[in-house]
Amino acid sequence: MNYQATSLSVASAQTVPGELETLESFSPIPETIQGNNESLIAQASREEPVVQNQWEILLVKRFLVKIKPPGGDLYGSGVIIAKEGTTYYVLTAEHTMPEKNKPYTLETHDGLEHPINPSQVSRALGRYRDGDLDLALLSFTSENPYSVARMANSSLLTELNSVYLSSWNPSAPRELEIITGSINNPPYLGRSISYALNKDAVGGTSGSPLLNSSRCVVGIHVAKPGTFGKIYLGIPSNSILVFLTFLNASSGDKNFPVSTSSLESCDNSNVSVESDNLLINVCKSYQSYNKQFSSQKEALQSLEEQIEPSILEEFAQKWRNSATNDGAIKLIDVCLSYGHQPESLVHQEPALQFLQSQLSQEIITEFIKKWFSLPARGTSSSPTQL
């Protein structure tokens, strides 16, 4: 079923907490009837599609936030991706908070505002204005219960797969729309997911989660490139996982004060951002780009050059699960072959964790900076941040 964009006010969302808890146990986007939810879904299916989409809006609102500058106007959006005790972690586009020392505010679906401490924001390396990674992770504390979005594997996205983007209504700031769209051909432009939407996304949409049909995050919405008409760009979840894993691996670095490892997986994605899984997530991300992104190749080659030959040989022996030393293996070839034979993961993943343990924080940081740097564009047109 193709859901059209609609909207429902926050005030309405606050009147049905019991129903929301029940409805969170299933996704109303597919037309299916399952298990104990049969009567509830059957009842929903008798309603008009717009009503089902209103329920979807209520559910998405529970993990969606607004990012506001000191003046109080909407600047961008974000998504709650983790919770530890009373601390919530929000992922957004870095350009929603362009000034590093300004006291921005986060507004949750219940209308409450939470101050963002500038010292509690981890920003991606590089400069997003130059095309580098446009991501930031921030935290806030609250005794109130808020939903946490689940993360899915963006490499499973193919042409024409349906995606869903939340957008605040500029004429009614407390109302939310869900805009339907589909993955473009090709699915990736550079390192970004590309997708078409059935209506324009408005200002304040940057940082919103891009959702699949299971209502799980497959990307973060960041820009509309001027050259491609109604095609929009998002940061895929596989790149997000590399960023979050890097933050965990850099927990002692004051430049990255916020990190979390408590992500919830979706659709059997088995996502992990534990600190020792950085190179594992790097290889997964490398494969998702069809091995065509030059800066990632260069980053792997540069990393290899900084590792002692004896370490590379020991790594290769662990990687091959061999009792003999058959020589080093190139890191590009490692990432290309990672996981091709599932039974090999039992020694490939510990080998990658071993190699990461031999790297200094300085080497890791420089590698990630190169990994997310943007090669020269073939067009002079810059993306428009929303």
Protein backbone atom coordinates (compact mmCIF):
# COMPACT_ATOMS: atom_id res chain seq x y z
CA MET A 1 0.00 0.00 0.00
CA ASN A 2 1.30 3.45 -0.93
CA TYR A 3 0.68 5.78 2.01
CA GLN A 4 0.22 9.42 1.19
CA ALA A 5 1.75 12.12 3.37
CA THR A 6 -0.51 13.28 6.16
CA SER A 7 -0.13 15.00 9.51
CA LEU A 8 -1.37 14.79 13.08
CA SER A 9 -0.75 17.22 15.90
CA VAL A 10 1.36 16.56 18.99
CA ALA A 11 -1.70 17.30 21.09
CA SER A 12 -3.42 14.27 19.57
CA ALA A 13 -0.37 12.14 20.22
CA GLN A 14 -0.54 12.91 23.92
CA THR A 15 -4.06 11.54 24.28
CA VAL A 16 -3.41 7.89 23.42
CA PRO A 17 -0.38 6.59 25.38
CA GLY A 18 -1.96 3.19 26.00
CA GLU A 19 -2.76 2.61 22.36
CA LEU A 20 0.75 3.65 21.38
CA GLU A 21 2.34 1.07 23.66
CA THR A 22 0.18 -1.63 22.07
CA LEU A 23 0.79 -0.52 18.51
CA GLU A 24 4.56 -0.42 18.90
CA SER A 25 4.61 -4.22 18.76
CA PHE A 26 4.00 -4.28 15.02
CA SER A 27 4.65 -2.25 11.90
CA PRO A 28 1.48 -1.03 10.17
CA ILE A 29 3.18 -0.31 6.85
CA PRO A 30 2.96 -3.83 5.32
CA GLU A 31 -0.50 -5.33 4.87
CA THR A 32 0.01 -8.44 6.99
CA ILE A 33 -1.75 -10.20 9.88
CA GLN A 34 0.48 -11.90 12.42
CA GLY A 35 0.09 -13.84 15.66
CA ASN A 36 -1.40 -12.08 18.68
CA ASN A 37 -1.75 -8.83 16.74
CA GLU A 38 -4.35 -10.32 14.36
CA SER A 39 -7.44 -8.58 15.74
CA LEU A 40 -5.66 -5.26 16.20
CA ILE A 41 -4.25 -5.24 12.65
CA ALA A 42 -7.53 -6.46 11.18
CA GLN A 43 -9.30 -3.58 12.91
CA ALA A 44 -6.73 -1.11 11.56
CA SER A 45 -7.05 -2.54 8.04
CA ARG A 46 -10.75 -1.66 7.98
CA GLU A 47 -9.85 2.02 8.43
CA GLU A 48 -8.83 4.31 5.60
CA PRO A 49 -5.07 4.28 4.73
CA VAL A 50 -4.72 7.83 6.06
CA VAL A 51 -5.77 6.63 9.53
CA GLN A 52 -3.12 3.92 9.48
CA ASN A 53 -0.60 6.57 8.49
CA GLN A 54 -1.73 8.74 11.42
CA TRP A 55 -0.87 5.86 13.76
CA GLU A 56 2.49 5.61 12.04
CA ILE A 57 3.10 9.30 12.67
CA LEU A 58 2.31 8.85 16.37
CA LEU A 59 4.85 6.04 16.62
CA VAL A 60 7.61 7.86 14.73
CA LYS A 61 7.11 10.98 16.85
CA ARG A 62 8.09 9.06 19.96
CA PHE A 63 11.73 8.78 18.83
CA LEU A 64 11.92 11.98 16.75
CA VAL A 65 13.23 15.26 18.21
CA LYS A 66 13.57 18.87 17.10
CA ILE A 67 16.86 20.77 17.26
CA LYS A 68 16.48 24.49 18.03
CA PRO A 69 19.01 27.35 18.21
CA PRO A 70 18.93 29.90 21.07
CA GLY A 71 16.23 31.89 19.25
CA GLY A 72 13.85 28.97 19.59
CA ASP A 73 12.92 28.40 15.93
CA LEU A 74 13.16 24.93 14.38
CA TYR A 75 16.57 24.36 12.81
CA GLY A 76 16.69 20.61 12.32
CA SER A 77 15.64 17.19 13.55
CA GLY A 78 17.21 14.17 15.19
CA VAL A 79 16.42 10.61 16.23
CA ILE A 80 16.82 8.87 19.58
CA ILE A 81 18.99 5.81 18.89
CA ALA A 82 19.93 4.62 22.37
CA LYS A 83 19.12 4.85 26.07
CA GLU A 84 21.29 4.09 29.10
CA GLY A 85 19.51 4.69 32.39
CA THR A 86 18.01 8.18 32.17
CA THR A 87 20.43 9.26 29.43
CA TYR A 88 19.19 9.34 25.84
CA TYR A 89 21.40 9.52 22.76
CA VAL A 90 20.35 11.45 19.67
CA LEU A 91 21.82 11.19 16.18
CA THR A 92 21.48 14.17 13.86
CA ALA A 93 23.17 15.98 10.98
CA GLU A 94 26.03 18.10 12.29
CA HIS A 95 24.87 21.16 10.35
CA THR A 96 21.73 21.35 12.52
CA MET A 97 24.10 22.73 15.20
CA PRO A 98 26.56 24.78 13.12
CA GLU A 99 27.99 26.82 16.02
CA LYS A 100 29.99 24.61 18.37
CA ASN A 101 29.68 26.80 21.46
CA LYS A 102 26.02 27.82 21.21
CA PRO A 103 23.50 26.37 23.70
CA TYR A 104 21.06 24.58 21.39
CA THR A 105 17.82 23.05 22.66
CA LEU A 106 16.26 19.67 21.95
CA GLU A 107 12.46 19.29 21.98
CA THR A 108 10.87 15.86 22.43
CA HIS A 109 7.44 14.80 21.13
CA ASP A 110 5.73 15.76 24.41
CA GLY A 111 6.70 19.41 23.94
CA LEU A 112 9.38 19.37 26.66
CA GLU A 113 12.63 21.18 25.92
CA HIS A 114 16.00 19.78 26.99
CA PRO A 115 19.18 21.90 26.94
CA ILE A 116 22.07 20.59 24.84
CA ASN A 117 25.39 21.06 26.59
CA PRO A 118 27.90 22.03 23.86
CA SER A 119 30.51 19.93 25.66
CA GLN A 120 28.25 16.88 25.33
CA VAL A 121 28.21 16.71 21.53
CA SER A 122 30.47 14.40 19.51
CA ARG A 123 30.91 15.78 16.00
CA ALA A 124 32.28 13.92 13.00
CA LEU A 125 35.86 14.59 11.97
CA GLY A 126 36.51 17.05 9.17
CA ARG A 127 34.29 19.85 7.88
CA TYR A 128 30.77 19.06 6.70
CA ARG A 129 30.83 22.30 4.68
CA ASP A 130 33.61 20.72 2.59
CA GLY A 131 31.61 17.56 2.03
CA ASP A 132 33.00 15.55 4.95
CA LEU A 133 30.73 13.43 7.14
CA ASP A 134 27.73 15.43 8.34
CA LEU A 135 26.89 13.63 11.60
CA ALA A 136 26.78 14.40 15.31
CA LEU A 137 25.82 12.42 18.42
CA LEU A 138 24.49 14.23 21.48
CA SER A 139 22.93 13.24 24.78
CA PHE A 140 20.28 14.52 27.16
CA THR A 141 18.87 13.25 30.43
CA SER A 142 15.23 12.82 31.39
CA GLU A 143 13.12 10.74 33.75
CA ASN A 144 10.39 10.59 31.08
CA PRO A 145 10.15 7.49 28.89
CA TYR A 146 10.96 8.01 25.20
CA SER A 147 11.10 5.43 22.44
CA VAL A 148 14.37 4.32 20.86
CA ALA A 149 14.60 3.77 17.10
CA ARG A 150 16.06 0.51 15.81
CA MET A 151 18.91 0.36 13.28
CA ALA A 152 18.79 -1.68 10.06
CA ASN A 153 21.39 -2.63 7.45
CA SER A 154 21.48 -0.05 4.64
CA SER A 155 23.43 -2.36 2.32
CA LEU A 156 20.21 -4.34 1.82
CA LEU A 157 18.54 -1.36 0.12
CA THR A 158 17.99 -1.77 -3.60
CA GLU A 159 16.45 0.32 -6.36
CA LEU A 160 12.78 1.22 -5.78
CA ASN A 161 12.74 0.01 -2.16
CA SER A 162 10.27 2.16 -0.22
CA VAL A 163 11.62 4.64 2.32
CA TYR A 164 9.89 7.08 4.67
CA LEU A 165 11.02 10.51 5.85
CA SER A 166 9.51 12.58 8.65
CA SER A 167 9.08 16.29 7.98
CA TRP A 168 7.74 19.08 10.19
CA ASN A 169 4.94 21.15 8.67
CA PRO A 170 6.27 24.75 8.31
CA SER A 171 2.77 26.25 8.55
CA ALA A 172 1.91 24.20 11.66
CA PRO A 173 5.15 23.63 13.65
CA ARG A 174 3.61 21.04 15.98
CA GLU A 175 2.47 18.84 13.12
CA LEU A 176 4.49 16.11 11.45
CA GLU A 177 4.25 14.58 7.99
CA ILE A 178 5.60 11.26 6.82
CA ILE A 179 6.76 11.58 3.22
CA THR A 180 6.98 8.40 1.18
CA GLY A 181 9.75 7.82 -1.31
CA SER A 182 11.85 5.20 -3.05
CA ILE A 183 15.53 4.37 -3.42
CA ASN A 184 17.04 5.85 -6.56
CA ASN A 185 18.98 4.11 -9.34
CA PRO A 186 21.82 3.85 -8.54
CA PRO A 187 21.14 3.51 -4.79
CA TYR A 188 24.31 5.46 -3.96
CA LEU A 189 25.71 8.79 -5.13
CA GLY A 190 29.24 8.88 -3.75
CA ARG A 191 28.92 7.65 -0.18
CA SER A 192 25.30 8.81 0.22
CA ILE A 193 22.00 6.98 -0.15
CA SER A 194 20.02 8.63 -2.94
CA TYR A 195 16.23 8.62 -2.97
CA ALA A 196 13.25 10.37 -4.52
CA LEU A 197 10.35 11.69 -2.44
CA ASN A 198 6.73 12.14 -3.51
CA LYS A 199 6.83 15.75 -2.25
CA ASP A 200 9.55 18.21 -1.29
CA ALA A 201 11.10 17.97 2.16
CA VAL A 202 11.00 21.33 3.94
CA GLY A 203 13.53 23.18 6.05
CA GLY A 204 14.09 21.56 9.44
CA THR A 205 14.11 18.07 7.94
CA SER A 206 17.89 17.66 8.11
CA GLY A 207 18.86 15.11 10.73
CA SER A 208 15.58 13.21 10.39
CA PRO A 209 15.81 9.42 10.23
CA LEU A 210 15.27 7.72 6.88
CA LEU A 211 13.12 4.68 7.66
CA ASN A 212 12.47 1.43 5.82
CA SER A 213 9.13 -0.40 5.71
CA SER A 214 9.84 -1.93 9.14
CA ARG A 215 10.06 1.56 10.67
CA CYS A 216 13.80 1.12 11.23
CA VAL A 217 16.59 3.60 10.56
CA VAL A 218 18.54 3.02 7.34
CA GLY A 219 20.00 6.52 7.13
CA ILE A 220 20.03 10.15 8.25
CA HIS A 221 18.60 12.75 5.88
CA VAL A 222 21.10 15.53 5.14
CA ALA A 223 20.77 17.28 1.78
CA LYS A 224 19.22 17.87 -1.60
CA PRO A 225 21.85 18.20 -4.36
CA GLY A 226 20.92 21.00 -6.74
CA THR A 227 21.79 19.01 -9.87
CA PHE A 228 19.51 16.05 -9.33
CA GLY A 229 16.00 17.55 -9.14
CA LYS A 230 13.90 15.77 -6.54
CA ILE A 231 16.67 13.35 -5.55
CA TYR A 232 17.75 13.65 -1.91
CA LEU A 233 20.82 12.38 -0.06
CA GLY A 234 21.18 10.60 3.26
CA ILE A 235 24.02 9.08 5.26
CA PRO A 236 23.56 5.27 5.19
CA SER A 237 23.37 3.33 8.43
CA ASN A 238 26.55 1.40 7.59
CA SER A 239 28.49 4.69 7.66
CA ILE A 240 26.67 5.65 10.86
CA LEU A 241 27.85 2.42 12.49
CA VAL A 242 31.47 3.18 11.58
CA PHE A 243 31.07 6.67 13.10
CA LEU A 244 29.49 5.35 16.31
CA THR A 245 32.07 2.58 16.66
CA PHE A 246 34.85 5.13 16.23
CA LEU A 247 33.33 7.22 19.04
CA ASN A 248 33.37 4.17 21.31
CA ALA A 249 36.95 3.37 20.35
CA SER A 250 37.85 7.01 21.15
CA SER A 251 36.07 7.23 24.50
CA GLY A 252 39.19 8.61 26.18
CA ASP A 253 39.47 11.48 23.69
CA LYS A 254 37.99 14.73 25.02
CA ASN A 255 37.08 15.71 21.44
CA PHE A 256 34.48 12.92 21.42
CA PRO A 257 32.74 13.15 24.82
CA VAL A 258 29.58 11.22 23.88
CA SER A 259 29.37 7.60 22.77
CA THR A 260 26.96 4.70 23.10
CA SER A 261 27.10 0.98 22.39
CA SER A 262 23.49 0.05 23.21
CA LEU A 263 21.91 0.14 19.74
CA GLU A 264 18.84 -1.95 18.98
CA SER A 265 19.01 -4.10 15.83
CA CYS A 266 16.18 -4.46 13.33
CA ASP A 267 15.29 -7.08 10.70
CA ASN A 268 18.04 -9.48 11.87
CA SER A 269 20.64 -6.82 11.05
CA ASN A 270 22.75 -7.73 14.11
CA VAL A 271 24.30 -4.27 14.33
CA SER A 272 27.10 -3.71 16.82
CA VAL A 273 29.12 -0.62 17.68
CA GLU A 274 31.26 -2.14 20.43
CA SER A 275 34.62 -0.38 20.52
CA ASP A 276 36.62 -3.37 19.24
CA ASN A 277 34.42 -3.80 16.14
CA LEU A 278 35.66 -0.74 14.25
CA LEU A 279 37.51 -2.58 11.48
CA ILE A 280 34.65 -5.09 11.22
CA ASN A 281 32.18 -2.28 10.53
CA VAL A 282 34.67 -0.63 8.19
CA CYS A 283 34.77 -3.77 6.03
CA LYS A 284 30.97 -4.06 6.05
CA SER A 285 30.67 -0.44 4.97
CA TYR A 286 33.33 -0.86 2.27
CA GLN A 287 31.40 -3.73 0.71
CA SER A 288 28.14 -1.76 0.66
CA TYR A 289 29.63 0.86 -1.69
CA ASN A 290 30.53 -1.69 -4.39
CA LYS A 291 34.22 -0.95 -3.82
CA GLN A 292 34.07 2.24 -5.94
CA PHE A 293 34.69 4.97 -3.38
CA SER A 294 38.31 6.07 -3.87
CA SER A 295 38.87 7.74 -0.49
CA GLN A 296 38.05 4.49 1.31
CA LYS A 297 40.59 2.59 -0.78
CA GLU A 298 43.17 5.26 -0.07
CA ALA A 299 42.37 5.17 3.65
CA LEU A 300 42.89 1.39 3.78
CA GLN A 301 46.14 1.65 1.82
CA SER A 302 47.41 4.41 4.10
CA LEU A 303 46.49 2.43 7.21
CA GLU A 304 48.33 -0.62 5.90
CA GLU A 305 51.48 1.46 5.34
CA GLN A 306 51.49 2.53 9.00
CA ILE A 307 51.40 -0.99 10.44
CA GLU A 308 54.56 -2.93 11.19
CA PRO A 309 55.12 -5.79 8.69
CA SER A 310 55.36 -8.32 11.52
CA ILE A 311 51.92 -7.24 12.80
CA LEU A 312 50.43 -7.56 9.31
CA GLU A 313 51.88 -11.05 8.98
CA GLU A 314 50.51 -12.11 12.37
CA PHE A 315 47.13 -10.66 11.41
CA ALA A 316 47.15 -12.53 8.09
CA GLN A 317 47.91 -15.78 9.88
CA LYS A 318 44.96 -15.24 12.22
CA TRP A 319 42.76 -14.15 9.29
CA ARG A 320 43.52 -17.33 7.34
CA ASN A 321 43.34 -19.46 10.49
CA SER A 322 46.63 -20.96 9.39
CA ALA A 323 49.37 -22.56 11.44
CA THR A 324 51.96 -21.36 8.93
CA ASN A 325 53.03 -17.88 7.92
CA ASP A 326 51.93 -17.41 4.30
CA GLY A 327 52.75 -13.70 4.15
CA ALA A 328 50.79 -10.51 4.64
CA ILE A 329 47.45 -9.73 3.00
CA LYS A 330 46.32 -6.35 1.68
CA LEU A 331 43.62 -4.67 3.77
CA ILE A 332 41.56 -3.90 0.66
CA ASP A 333 41.48 -7.64 -0.11
CA VAL A 334 40.56 -8.31 3.51
CA CYS A 335 37.50 -6.09 3.30
CA LEU A 336 36.54 -7.48 -0.10
CA SER A 337 36.57 -11.06 1.17
CA TYR A 338 35.16 -10.42 4.66
CA GLY A 339 32.17 -12.66 5.38
CA HIS A 340 31.91 -14.23 1.93
CA GLN A 341 32.06 -17.60 3.64
CA PRO A 342 30.01 -17.24 6.84
CA GLU A 343 31.89 -20.07 8.54
CA SER A 344 35.09 -18.02 8.20
CA LEU A 345 33.77 -15.24 10.43
CA VAL A 346 34.76 -17.22 13.52
CA HIS A 347 38.41 -16.42 12.76
CA GLN A 348 38.08 -13.34 10.52
CA GLU A 349 36.39 -11.17 13.15
CA PRO A 350 38.85 -11.98 15.98
CA ALA A 351 41.66 -11.28 13.50
CA LEU A 352 40.26 -7.82 12.73
CA GLN A 353 39.83 -7.15 16.45
CA PHE A 354 43.46 -8.18 17.01
CA LEU A 355 44.65 -5.82 14.27
CA GLN A 356 42.64 -2.93 15.73
CA SER A 357 44.18 -3.58 19.15
CA GLN A 358 47.63 -2.96 17.64
CA LEU A 359 46.70 0.53 16.39
CA SER A 360 47.31 3.71 18.35
CA GLN A 361 44.50 6.21 18.86
CA GLU A 362 46.34 8.65 16.60
CA ILE A 363 46.46 6.13 13.74
CA ILE A 364 42.78 5.23 14.19
CA THR A 365 41.73 8.89 14.19
CA GLU A 366 43.73 9.70 11.07
CA PHE A 367 42.34 6.61 9.32
CA ILE A 368 38.72 7.56 10.06
CA LYS A 369 39.34 11.14 8.93
CA LYS A 370 40.57 9.83 5.57
CA TRP A 371 37.81 7.23 5.42
CA PHE A 372 35.09 9.88 5.53
CA SER A 373 36.84 12.53 3.42
CA LEU A 374 35.10 13.33 0.15
CA PRO A 375 36.98 12.98 -3.14
CA ALA A 376 36.71 15.74 -5.72
CA ARG A 377 33.22 15.93 -7.14
CA GLY A 378 32.52 15.59 -10.83
CA THR A 379 30.06 18.46 -10.63
CA SER A 380 30.35 21.99 -9.38
CA SER A 381 26.94 21.90 -7.74
CA SER A 382 26.86 21.66 -3.96
CA PRO A 383 24.16 19.89 -1.96
CA THR A 384 21.50 22.05 -0.36
CA GLN A 385 21.26 21.35 3.38
CA LEU A 386 17.70 21.34 4.67
